[in-house]
Amino acid sequence: MAHQIHELRAGYPQAFIIIFPHWGWNYADKDAVQQLVAHHLIQAGADLILGHGAHRLQEIEQFQDRWILYGLGNFLFNTRGRFGQTQSLPYSLVARLLIENRGDALAIRLRLYPIFSDNRLVQYQPRLVTLTEFHQVKTFLKGAWPEGMDGLGYYLELIVR
């Protein structure tokens, strides 16, 4: 995969390359393998990595001026989940990519809207987080990114490009 990304980057230097890997252990923090693979993919030319598959929110890291979201969590999922059993926070992220044409370049931002996604507690209807829950998400992620609220809810914003 890294070789393909490298070739794509060489052939299309202005391309915006997003990798969307399904990885990680269920209801666990990111692991060393995820981090190693993510770093290789960034070094090969990926611009953004949006991981999923662990069924819960995982860490966010900036590596070589590129963002790695190790796990977005669940959006809609048809099982009860194991947040309580694994002592995992019951939150996930909905990612919204905002692209603005600035003449000779694109300005790209990623808005991350936390949702409450523990199906046992929301009866399979994920909802936007409250302000208190938003602060819990920020504390877990340990980032100092711009934040705000719009018509969709509370969000954190990453400057991608």
Protein backbone atom coordinates (compact mmCIF):
# COMPACT_ATOMS: atom_id res chain seq x y z
CA MET A 1 0.00 0.00 0.00
CA ALA A 2 2.83 2.40 0.85
CA HIS A 3 4.35 1.73 -2.59
CA GLN A 4 1.02 2.55 -4.29
CA ILE A 5 0.67 5.76 -2.30
CA HIS A 6 4.23 6.74 -3.21
CA GLU A 7 3.53 6.13 -6.93
CA LEU A 8 0.26 8.06 -6.76
CA ARG A 9 2.01 10.98 -5.07
CA ALA A 10 4.79 10.94 -7.70
CA GLY A 11 2.32 10.92 -10.59
CA TYR A 12 -0.12 13.41 -9.07
CA PRO A 13 1.78 15.67 -6.67
CA GLN A 14 -1.28 17.87 -6.02
CA ALA A 15 -3.56 14.94 -5.13
CA PHE A 16 -5.12 14.88 -1.69
CA ILE A 17 -4.72 11.29 -0.48
CA ILE A 18 -6.96 10.01 2.32
CA ILE A 19 -6.41 6.56 3.77
CA PHE A 20 -9.34 4.91 5.56
CA PRO A 21 -7.97 1.76 7.24
CA HIS A 22 -10.03 -0.76 9.15
CA TRP A 23 -7.68 -1.68 12.01
CA GLY A 24 -7.06 -1.89 15.73
CA TRP A 25 -8.34 -4.09 18.51
CA ASN A 26 -11.98 -3.75 19.51
CA TYR A 27 -12.58 -1.26 22.32
CA ALA A 28 -8.86 -0.59 22.82
CA ASP A 29 -6.49 2.35 22.44
CA LYS A 30 -4.33 2.54 19.33
CA ASP A 31 -1.48 0.08 19.35
CA ALA A 32 2.13 0.12 18.16
CA VAL A 33 1.29 -1.65 14.89
CA GLN A 34 -1.32 0.96 13.97
CA GLN A 35 1.14 3.74 14.73
CA LEU A 36 3.95 2.12 12.73
CA VAL A 37 1.71 1.52 9.71
CA ALA A 38 0.27 5.04 9.91
CA HIS A 39 3.73 6.60 10.00
CA HIS A 40 4.80 4.55 6.97
CA LEU A 41 1.69 5.63 5.05
CA ILE A 42 2.33 9.30 5.85
CA GLN A 43 5.98 8.94 4.83
CA ALA A 44 4.81 7.38 1.55
CA GLY A 45 2.70 10.45 0.79
CA ALA A 46 -0.70 10.11 2.47
CA ASP A 47 -2.25 13.43 3.53
CA LEU A 48 -4.80 12.20 6.07
CA ILE A 49 -5.59 8.91 7.80
CA LEU A 50 -9.10 8.27 9.11
CA GLY A 51 -9.00 4.93 10.90
CA HIS A 52 -11.97 2.85 11.96
CA GLY A 53 -12.72 -0.65 13.15
CA ALA A 54 -12.02 -0.59 16.90
CA HIS A 55 -15.65 0.37 17.69
CA ARG A 56 -14.58 3.29 19.87
CA LEU A 57 -12.82 6.60 19.73
CA GLN A 58 -9.04 6.27 19.53
CA GLU A 59 -6.23 8.79 19.74
CA ILE A 60 -5.37 11.55 17.25
CA GLU A 61 -1.79 12.31 16.31
CA GLN A 62 -0.04 14.76 14.05
CA PHE A 63 2.98 13.23 12.30
CA GLN A 64 5.09 15.17 9.79
CA ASP A 65 2.39 17.86 9.61
CA ARG A 66 -0.24 15.26 8.68
CA TRP A 67 -3.17 14.08 10.82
CA ILE A 68 -3.78 10.51 11.89
CA LEU A 69 -7.13 9.70 13.48
CA TYR A 70 -6.58 6.18 14.69
CA GLY A 71 -10.23 5.39 15.29
CA LEU A 72 -13.42 7.33 14.59
CA GLY A 73 -15.52 4.84 16.56
CA ASN A 74 -19.04 3.74 15.66
CA PHE A 75 -21.60 5.75 13.80
CA LEU A 76 -24.44 3.33 13.21
CA PHE A 77 -23.79 -0.18 14.42
CA ASN A 78 -26.21 -3.04 14.96
CA THR A 79 -24.94 -4.51 18.24
CA ARG A 80 -25.26 -3.33 21.81
CA GLY A 81 -21.54 -2.65 22.11
CA ARG A 82 -19.14 -3.28 24.96
CA PHE A 83 -18.30 0.21 26.22
CA GLY A 84 -19.18 -0.60 29.82
CA GLN A 85 -17.43 -3.98 29.84
CA THR A 86 -14.21 -2.50 28.46
CA GLN A 87 -14.41 0.78 30.39
CA SER A 88 -14.27 2.68 27.09
CA LEU A 89 -15.70 6.14 26.65
CA PRO A 90 -19.02 5.85 24.78
CA TYR A 91 -18.09 8.42 22.16
CA SER A 92 -17.29 8.41 18.46
CA LEU A 93 -16.53 11.07 15.88
CA VAL A 94 -18.30 12.13 12.72
CA ALA A 95 -15.75 13.65 10.33
CA ARG A 96 -16.66 16.49 7.98
CA LEU A 97 -14.07 17.59 5.44
CA LEU A 98 -14.33 21.27 4.50
CA ILE A 99 -12.59 22.22 1.27
CA GLU A 100 -12.28 25.82 0.17
CA ASN A 101 -10.79 26.97 -3.12
CA ARG A 102 -8.26 29.73 -2.48
CA GLY A 103 -7.24 30.41 -6.07
CA ASP A 104 -4.02 28.51 -6.56
CA ALA A 105 -4.49 26.14 -3.60
CA LEU A 106 -7.11 24.43 -1.52
CA ALA A 107 -7.68 25.16 2.15
CA ILE A 108 -8.74 21.95 3.85
CA ARG A 109 -10.11 21.62 7.38
CA LEU A 110 -11.49 18.60 9.18
CA ARG A 111 -14.33 19.13 11.61
CA LEU A 112 -14.87 16.38 14.12
CA TYR A 113 -18.30 16.17 15.72
CA PRO A 114 -18.36 13.91 18.79
CA ILE A 115 -21.40 11.71 19.16
CA PHE A 116 -22.64 9.52 22.01
CA SER A 117 -22.68 6.05 20.46
CA ASP A 118 -23.29 3.49 23.23
CA ASN A 119 -26.29 1.63 21.82
CA ARG A 120 -27.25 0.31 25.27
CA LEU A 121 -27.85 3.88 26.42
CA VAL A 122 -29.17 5.55 23.26
CA GLN A 123 -31.34 2.68 21.96
CA TYR A 124 -29.41 2.51 18.63
CA GLN A 125 -29.92 6.23 18.00
CA PRO A 126 -26.49 7.96 18.23
CA ARG A 127 -26.80 11.56 19.29
CA LEU A 128 -24.63 14.64 19.45
CA VAL A 129 -22.79 15.14 22.72
CA THR A 130 -23.73 17.58 25.44
CA LEU A 131 -21.25 20.27 26.48
CA THR A 132 -20.09 18.16 29.46
CA GLU A 133 -19.58 15.15 27.19
CA PHE A 134 -17.73 17.34 24.68
CA HIS A 135 -15.26 18.25 27.41
CA GLN A 136 -14.78 14.54 28.20
CA VAL A 137 -13.93 13.88 24.54
CA LYS A 138 -11.45 16.78 24.50
CA THR A 139 -9.81 15.51 27.68
CA PHE A 140 -9.42 12.02 26.21
CA LEU A 141 -7.96 13.34 22.94
CA LYS A 142 -5.52 15.66 24.76
CA GLY A 143 -5.47 18.14 21.89
CA ALA A 144 -5.59 21.90 21.91
CA TRP A 145 -7.36 22.33 18.59
CA PRO A 146 -9.80 25.04 17.63
CA GLU A 147 -13.32 24.21 18.70
CA GLY A 148 -16.75 25.58 18.17
CA MET A 149 -20.41 24.88 17.71
CA ASP A 150 -22.47 25.17 14.56
CA GLY A 151 -25.84 23.92 13.37
CA LEU A 152 -24.56 20.35 13.54
CA GLY A 153 -23.19 20.49 17.09
CA TYR A 154 -19.95 20.90 19.03
CA TYR A 155 -16.81 20.25 17.02
CA LEU A 156 -13.04 20.18 17.07
CA GLU A 157 -11.30 21.44 13.97
CA LEU A 158 -8.00 20.28 12.48
CA ILE A 159 -6.21 22.29 9.83
CA VAL A 160 -5.28 19.73 7.21
CA ARG A 161 -3.84 21.94 4.49
